[in-house]
């Protein structure tokens, strides 16, 4: 009985640690999104494909992590939002066509807003928690 209780406790602690790591990775990825998105529009206007592609690569890395987070949480709508954002980020990371870049940015910003409305709650100025 003590051994079973010990194993249950051990598994619970391990699961909590993994969840905390997932939350930390998610938070770190989310913190890279806004600066990267803010860099894209002026870079598109300036026809600076290198800057657009660099920001796109940052976004692609972030949304890969974000998509994995929501997949683990089994939140179907957020999985869809992050997959759409990941596709848009891939376009930004590789495209040299300003119209394609602008469309990808618009798509990305649209799903960001949808996901934030569905899964984010304000916890004070500049602070948020996940629903």
N, C-alpha and C. Protein backbone atom coordinates (compact mmCIF):
# COMPACT_ATOMS: atom_id res chain seq x y z
N UNK A 1 0.83 -1.18 0.00
CA UNK A 1 0.00 0.00 0.00
C UNK A 1 0.88 1.26 0.00
N UNK A 2 1.92 1.25 0.86
CA UNK A 2 2.79 2.42 0.91
C UNK A 2 3.52 2.61 -0.41
N UNK A 3 3.88 1.50 -1.03
CA UNK A 3 4.58 1.57 -2.32
C UNK A 3 3.66 2.17 -3.39
N UNK A 4 2.41 1.77 -3.41
CA UNK A 4 1.44 2.30 -4.37
C UNK A 4 1.23 3.79 -4.15
N UNK A 5 1.10 4.19 -2.91
CA UNK A 5 0.93 5.60 -2.58
C UNK A 5 2.17 6.40 -3.00
N UNK A 6 3.33 5.83 -2.75
CA UNK A 6 4.57 6.48 -3.16
C UNK A 6 4.63 6.66 -4.67
N UNK A 7 4.27 5.61 -5.42
CA UNK A 7 4.30 5.70 -6.89
C UNK A 7 3.29 6.71 -7.41
N UNK A 8 2.11 6.76 -6.82
CA UNK A 8 1.10 7.74 -7.23
C UNK A 8 1.62 9.15 -6.96
N UNK A 9 2.21 9.35 -5.80
CA UNK A 9 2.77 10.65 -5.45
C UNK A 9 3.89 11.04 -6.42
N UNK A 10 4.76 10.10 -6.71
CA UNK A 10 5.87 10.35 -7.62
C UNK A 10 5.38 10.73 -9.02
N UNK A 11 4.41 10.01 -9.52
CA UNK A 11 3.85 10.31 -10.84
C UNK A 11 3.19 11.69 -10.83
N UNK A 12 2.47 12.00 -9.77
CA UNK A 12 1.81 13.31 -9.66
C UNK A 12 2.82 14.46 -9.65
N UNK A 13 3.89 14.29 -8.91
CA UNK A 13 4.93 15.32 -8.85
C UNK A 13 5.58 15.47 -10.22
N UNK A 14 5.89 14.37 -10.86
CA UNK A 14 6.50 14.41 -12.19
C UNK A 14 5.58 15.09 -13.19
N UNK A 15 4.29 14.79 -13.15
CA UNK A 15 3.32 15.41 -14.05
C UNK A 15 3.24 16.91 -13.80
N UNK A 16 3.26 17.31 -12.54
CA UNK A 16 3.21 18.74 -12.20
C UNK A 16 4.45 19.46 -12.72
N UNK A 17 5.61 18.83 -12.60
CA UNK A 17 6.84 19.44 -13.11
C UNK A 17 6.81 19.58 -14.63
N UNK A 18 6.32 18.57 -15.31
CA UNK A 18 6.22 18.65 -16.77
C UNK A 18 5.24 19.74 -17.19
N UNK A 19 4.14 19.85 -16.48
CA UNK A 19 3.16 20.89 -16.78
C UNK A 19 3.77 22.27 -16.58
N UNK A 20 4.54 22.45 -15.52
CA UNK A 20 5.19 23.73 -15.26
C UNK A 20 6.19 24.06 -16.37
N UNK A 21 6.91 23.03 -16.87
CA UNK A 21 7.84 23.25 -17.98
C UNK A 21 7.09 23.66 -19.23
N UNK A 22 5.95 23.01 -19.50
CA UNK A 22 5.14 23.36 -20.65
C UNK A 22 4.64 24.80 -20.54
N UNK A 23 4.16 25.17 -19.35
CA UNK A 23 3.68 26.53 -19.13
C UNK A 23 4.80 27.55 -19.33
N UNK A 24 5.98 27.24 -18.85
CA UNK A 24 7.12 28.15 -18.99
C UNK A 24 7.53 28.29 -20.46
N UNK A 25 7.55 27.18 -21.18
CA UNK A 25 7.89 27.23 -22.61
C UNK A 25 6.84 28.02 -23.38
N UNK A 26 5.58 27.81 -23.05
CA UNK A 26 4.48 28.54 -23.69
C UNK A 26 4.61 30.04 -23.44
N UNK A 27 4.84 30.39 -22.19
CA UNK A 27 4.97 31.81 -21.82
C UNK A 27 6.16 32.44 -22.54
N UNK A 28 7.27 31.75 -22.57
CA UNK A 28 8.46 32.27 -23.27
C UNK A 28 8.18 32.45 -24.75
N UNK A 29 7.50 31.48 -25.36
CA UNK A 29 7.17 31.59 -26.79
C UNK A 29 6.24 32.77 -27.03
N UNK A 30 5.24 32.91 -26.19
CA UNK A 30 4.29 34.02 -26.37
C UNK A 30 4.98 35.38 -26.26
N UNK A 31 5.98 35.48 -25.41
CA UNK A 31 6.69 36.75 -25.24
C UNK A 31 7.52 37.13 -26.45
N UNK A 32 7.81 36.18 -27.34
CA UNK A 32 8.56 36.50 -28.55
C UNK A 32 7.65 36.94 -29.69
N UNK A 33 6.36 36.65 -29.57
CA UNK A 33 5.44 36.90 -30.69
C UNK A 33 5.25 38.40 -30.95
N UNK A 34 4.90 39.17 -29.94
CA UNK A 34 4.60 40.59 -30.17
C UNK A 34 5.76 41.35 -30.80
N UNK A 35 6.98 41.25 -30.29
CA UNK A 35 8.07 41.98 -30.94
C UNK A 35 8.30 41.54 -32.39
N UNK A 36 8.14 40.26 -32.65
CA UNK A 36 8.34 39.77 -34.02
C UNK A 36 7.25 40.29 -34.94
N UNK A 37 5.99 40.25 -34.48
CA UNK A 37 4.88 40.76 -35.29
C UNK A 37 5.06 42.26 -35.55
N UNK A 38 5.46 42.98 -34.53
CA UNK A 38 5.65 44.43 -34.69
C UNK A 38 6.77 44.77 -35.67
N UNK A 39 7.72 43.86 -35.85
CA UNK A 39 8.83 44.10 -36.78
C UNK A 39 8.43 43.82 -38.23
N UNK A 40 7.38 43.02 -38.43
CA UNK A 40 7.05 42.57 -39.79
C UNK A 40 6.49 43.68 -40.66
N UNK A 41 5.49 44.42 -40.19
CA UNK A 41 4.83 45.40 -41.06
C UNK A 41 5.79 46.44 -41.63
N UNK A 42 6.63 47.08 -40.81
CA UNK A 42 7.57 48.04 -41.41
C UNK A 42 8.57 47.37 -42.35
N UNK A 43 8.91 46.13 -42.07
CA UNK A 43 9.84 45.41 -42.95
C UNK A 43 9.17 45.11 -44.30
N UNK A 44 7.88 44.78 -44.28
CA UNK A 44 7.16 44.56 -45.54
C UNK A 44 7.12 45.87 -46.33
N UNK A 45 6.78 46.96 -45.66
CA UNK A 45 6.71 48.27 -46.31
C UNK A 45 8.04 48.66 -46.92
N UNK A 46 9.13 48.36 -46.21
CA UNK A 46 10.47 48.70 -46.68
C UNK A 46 11.01 47.68 -47.69
N UNK A 47 10.21 46.64 -47.96
CA UNK A 47 10.64 45.54 -48.85
C UNK A 47 11.95 44.90 -48.36
N UNK A 48 12.05 44.81 -47.05
CA UNK A 48 13.21 44.20 -46.40
C UNK A 48 12.91 42.73 -46.14
N UNK A 49 13.07 41.93 -47.18
CA UNK A 49 12.72 40.51 -47.07
C UNK A 49 13.52 39.78 -46.00
N UNK A 50 14.76 40.16 -45.81
CA UNK A 50 15.58 39.50 -44.79
C UNK A 50 14.97 39.71 -43.41
N UNK A 51 14.50 40.92 -43.13
CA UNK A 51 13.89 41.21 -41.83
C UNK A 51 12.55 40.50 -41.68
N UNK A 52 11.74 40.47 -42.75
CA UNK A 52 10.47 39.75 -42.71
C UNK A 52 10.73 38.27 -42.46
N UNK A 53 11.66 37.70 -43.20
CA UNK A 53 11.96 36.28 -43.06
C UNK A 53 12.51 35.95 -41.68
N UNK A 54 13.35 36.81 -41.12
CA UNK A 54 13.90 36.58 -39.78
C UNK A 54 12.78 36.60 -38.73
N UNK A 55 11.90 37.59 -38.82
CA UNK A 55 10.78 37.66 -37.89
C UNK A 55 9.87 36.45 -38.08
N UNK A 56 9.67 36.06 -39.33
CA UNK A 56 8.85 34.88 -39.61
C UNK A 56 9.42 33.62 -38.99
N UNK A 57 10.73 33.49 -39.02
CA UNK A 57 11.37 32.31 -38.40
C UNK A 57 11.17 32.33 -36.89
N UNK A 58 11.27 33.50 -36.29
CA UNK A 58 11.00 33.63 -34.85
C UNK A 58 9.56 33.22 -34.55
N UNK A 59 8.64 33.70 -35.38
CA UNK A 59 7.23 33.38 -35.19
C UNK A 59 6.95 31.89 -35.42
N UNK A 60 7.61 31.32 -36.41
CA UNK A 60 7.42 29.90 -36.68
C UNK A 60 7.87 29.04 -35.49
N UNK A 61 9.00 29.39 -34.92
CA UNK A 61 9.48 28.69 -33.73
C UNK A 61 8.49 28.85 -32.58
N UNK A 62 8.01 30.08 -32.38
CA UNK A 62 7.06 30.34 -31.29
C UNK A 62 5.77 29.56 -31.49
N UNK A 63 5.21 29.61 -32.69
CA UNK A 63 3.92 28.95 -32.90
C UNK A 63 4.04 27.44 -32.96
N UNK A 64 5.21 26.92 -33.21
CA UNK A 64 5.42 25.48 -33.08
C UNK A 64 5.28 25.08 -31.61
N UNK A 65 5.89 25.85 -30.72
CA UNK A 65 5.77 25.62 -29.28
C UNK A 65 4.34 25.84 -28.80
N UNK A 66 3.73 26.91 -29.27
CA UNK A 66 2.36 27.25 -28.85
C UNK A 66 1.38 26.18 -29.30
N UNK A 67 1.54 25.70 -30.53
CA UNK A 67 0.67 24.64 -31.04
C UNK A 67 0.84 23.36 -30.23
N UNK A 68 2.06 23.02 -29.87
CA UNK A 68 2.30 21.83 -29.05
C UNK A 68 1.64 21.98 -27.68
N UNK A 69 1.70 23.16 -27.10
CA UNK A 69 1.08 23.43 -25.80
C UNK A 69 -0.42 23.16 -25.86
N UNK A 70 -1.08 23.75 -26.88
CA UNK A 70 -2.53 23.60 -26.98
C UNK A 70 -2.92 22.18 -27.37
N UNK A 71 -2.08 21.51 -28.14
CA UNK A 71 -2.34 20.11 -28.48
C UNK A 71 -2.32 19.26 -27.21
N UNK A 72 -1.37 19.51 -26.34
CA UNK A 72 -1.30 18.78 -25.07
C UNK A 72 -2.51 19.07 -24.18
N UNK A 73 -3.03 20.30 -24.28
CA UNK A 73 -4.20 20.69 -23.48
C UNK A 73 -5.51 20.22 -24.12
N UNK A 74 -5.42 19.71 -25.36
CA UNK A 74 -6.59 19.22 -26.10
C UNK A 74 -7.66 20.31 -26.28
N UNK A 75 -7.22 21.53 -26.55
CA UNK A 75 -8.12 22.65 -26.80
C UNK A 75 -8.24 22.83 -28.32
N UNK A 76 -9.26 22.21 -28.87
CA UNK A 76 -9.38 22.14 -30.33
C UNK A 76 -9.36 23.50 -31.02
N UNK A 77 -10.08 24.48 -30.47
CA UNK A 77 -10.09 25.78 -31.14
C UNK A 77 -8.70 26.42 -31.12
N UNK A 78 -8.02 26.34 -29.99
CA UNK A 78 -6.67 26.91 -29.88
C UNK A 78 -5.67 26.16 -30.75
N UNK A 79 -5.87 24.86 -30.91
CA UNK A 79 -5.02 24.08 -31.81
C UNK A 79 -5.18 24.61 -33.23
N UNK A 80 -6.42 24.87 -33.62
CA UNK A 80 -6.69 25.42 -34.95
C UNK A 80 -6.11 26.81 -35.13
N UNK A 81 -6.30 27.67 -34.12
CA UNK A 81 -5.76 29.03 -34.20
C UNK A 81 -4.24 29.00 -34.35
N UNK A 82 -3.58 28.19 -33.51
CA UNK A 82 -2.12 28.16 -33.54
C UNK A 82 -1.59 27.49 -34.80
N UNK A 83 -2.33 26.54 -35.35
CA UNK A 83 -1.92 25.93 -36.62
C UNK A 83 -2.01 26.94 -37.76
N UNK A 84 -3.08 27.75 -37.76
CA UNK A 84 -3.21 28.80 -38.77
C UNK A 84 -2.09 29.82 -38.63
N UNK A 85 -1.78 30.20 -37.38
CA UNK A 85 -0.69 31.14 -37.13
C UNK A 85 0.64 30.56 -37.57
N UNK A 86 0.83 29.28 -37.35
CA UNK A 86 2.06 28.60 -37.74
C UNK A 86 2.21 28.60 -39.26
N UNK A 87 1.14 28.38 -39.98
CA UNK A 87 1.16 28.42 -41.45
C UNK A 87 1.51 29.83 -41.93
N UNK A 88 0.89 30.84 -41.31
CA UNK A 88 1.19 32.23 -41.68
C UNK A 88 2.65 32.56 -41.38
N UNK A 89 3.14 32.10 -40.25
CA UNK A 89 4.54 32.34 -39.88
C UNK A 89 5.48 31.68 -40.87
N UNK A 90 5.12 30.50 -41.35
CA UNK A 90 5.94 29.82 -42.35
C UNK A 90 6.03 30.64 -43.63
N UNK A 91 4.92 31.23 -44.03
CA UNK A 91 4.92 32.11 -45.21
C UNK A 91 5.84 33.30 -44.97
N UNK A 92 5.73 33.90 -43.79
CA UNK A 92 6.60 35.05 -43.48
C UNK A 92 8.07 34.65 -43.45
N UNK A 93 8.34 33.44 -43.02
CA UNK A 93 9.72 32.97 -42.91
C UNK A 93 10.36 32.70 -44.27
N UNK A 94 9.53 32.49 -45.30
CA UNK A 94 10.09 32.06 -46.58
C UNK A 94 9.75 32.95 -47.77
N UNK A 95 8.66 33.68 -47.69
CA UNK A 95 8.19 34.42 -48.87
C UNK A 95 8.98 35.70 -49.11
N UNK A 96 9.12 36.05 -50.38
CA UNK A 96 9.72 37.34 -50.76
C UNK A 96 8.68 38.20 -51.48
N UNK A 97 7.44 37.74 -51.52
CA UNK A 97 6.36 38.47 -52.17
C UNK A 97 5.63 39.33 -51.13
N UNK A 98 5.64 40.63 -51.31
CA UNK A 98 5.06 41.55 -50.33
C UNK A 98 3.57 41.29 -50.12
N UNK A 99 2.83 40.97 -51.18
CA UNK A 99 1.40 40.69 -51.02
C UNK A 99 1.18 39.43 -50.19
N UNK A 100 1.95 38.39 -50.44
CA UNK A 100 1.84 37.16 -49.65
C UNK A 100 2.23 37.42 -48.20
N UNK A 101 3.26 38.22 -47.99
CA UNK A 101 3.69 38.56 -46.63
C UNK A 101 2.59 39.33 -45.90
N UNK A 102 2.00 40.31 -46.58
CA UNK A 102 0.94 41.12 -45.96
C UNK A 102 -0.28 40.25 -45.62
N UNK A 103 -0.65 39.35 -46.53
CA UNK A 103 -1.78 38.46 -46.27
C UNK A 103 -1.49 37.53 -45.09
N UNK A 104 -0.27 37.03 -45.02
CA UNK A 104 0.12 36.16 -43.91
C UNK A 104 0.07 36.92 -42.59
N UNK A 105 0.55 38.15 -42.59
CA UNK A 105 0.52 38.96 -41.36
C UNK A 105 -0.92 39.21 -40.92
N UNK A 106 -1.79 39.53 -41.86
CA UNK A 106 -3.20 39.77 -41.54
C UNK A 106 -3.84 38.50 -40.96
N UNK A 107 -3.56 37.36 -41.56
CA UNK A 107 -4.08 36.09 -41.06
C UNK A 107 -3.59 35.81 -39.65
N UNK A 108 -2.31 36.02 -39.44
CA UNK A 108 -1.70 35.79 -38.13
C UNK A 108 -2.34 36.67 -37.06
N UNK A 109 -2.47 37.95 -37.36
CA UNK A 109 -3.04 38.87 -36.39
C UNK A 109 -4.50 38.54 -36.09
N UNK A 110 -5.22 38.08 -37.10
CA UNK A 110 -6.62 37.72 -36.88
C UNK A 110 -6.78 36.55 -35.92
N UNK A 111 -5.97 35.52 -36.10
CA UNK A 111 -6.11 34.36 -35.20
C UNK A 111 -5.54 34.64 -33.82
N UNK A 112 -4.57 35.54 -33.74
CA UNK A 112 -4.07 35.92 -32.40
C UNK A 112 -5.23 36.50 -31.59
N UNK A 113 -5.96 37.43 -32.18
CA UNK A 113 -7.09 38.05 -31.49
C UNK A 113 -8.16 37.05 -31.10
N UNK A 114 -8.46 36.11 -31.99
CA UNK A 114 -9.48 35.10 -31.69
C UNK A 114 -9.05 34.22 -30.52
N UNK A 115 -7.81 33.79 -30.53
CA UNK A 115 -7.33 32.92 -29.46
C UNK A 115 -7.27 33.67 -28.13
N UNK A 116 -6.80 34.90 -28.19
CA UNK A 116 -6.73 35.68 -26.95
C UNK A 116 -8.13 35.90 -26.37
N UNK A 117 -9.12 36.16 -27.23
CA UNK A 117 -10.49 36.34 -26.73
C UNK A 117 -11.02 35.06 -26.09
N UNK A 118 -10.66 33.94 -26.65
CA UNK A 118 -11.19 32.67 -26.17
C UNK A 118 -10.43 32.11 -24.96
N UNK A 119 -9.14 32.43 -24.83
CA UNK A 119 -8.32 31.71 -23.85
C UNK A 119 -7.50 32.58 -22.90
N UNK A 120 -7.71 33.86 -22.90
CA UNK A 120 -6.88 34.72 -22.07
C UNK A 120 -7.75 35.63 -21.20
N UNK A 121 -7.34 35.80 -19.95
CA UNK A 121 -8.04 36.66 -19.01
C UNK A 121 -7.03 37.63 -18.41
N UNK A 122 -7.40 38.88 -18.33
CA UNK A 122 -6.50 39.87 -17.73
C UNK A 122 -6.32 39.60 -16.24
N UNK A 123 -5.06 39.68 -15.81
CA UNK A 123 -4.74 39.49 -14.39
C UNK A 123 -4.07 40.75 -13.86
N UNK A 124 -4.38 41.89 -14.47
CA UNK A 124 -3.78 43.15 -14.09
C UNK A 124 -3.07 43.75 -15.29
N UNK A 125 -2.56 44.96 -15.14
CA UNK A 125 -1.89 45.63 -16.25
C UNK A 125 -0.73 44.81 -16.82
N UNK A 126 -0.85 44.43 -18.09
CA UNK A 126 0.21 43.69 -18.75
C UNK A 126 0.37 42.24 -18.31
N UNK A 127 -0.58 41.74 -17.54
CA UNK A 127 -0.50 40.36 -17.05
C UNK A 127 -1.76 39.60 -17.45
N UNK A 128 -1.56 38.35 -17.82
CA UNK A 128 -2.69 37.54 -18.27
C UNK A 128 -2.58 36.13 -17.72
N UNK A 129 -3.71 35.49 -17.61
CA UNK A 129 -3.74 34.07 -17.26
C UNK A 129 -4.51 33.34 -18.36
N UNK A 130 -4.29 32.06 -18.45
CA UNK A 130 -4.94 31.23 -19.45
C UNK A 130 -6.24 30.69 -18.86
N UNK A 131 -7.30 30.76 -19.67
CA UNK A 131 -8.61 30.20 -19.25
C UNK A 131 -8.53 28.70 -19.34
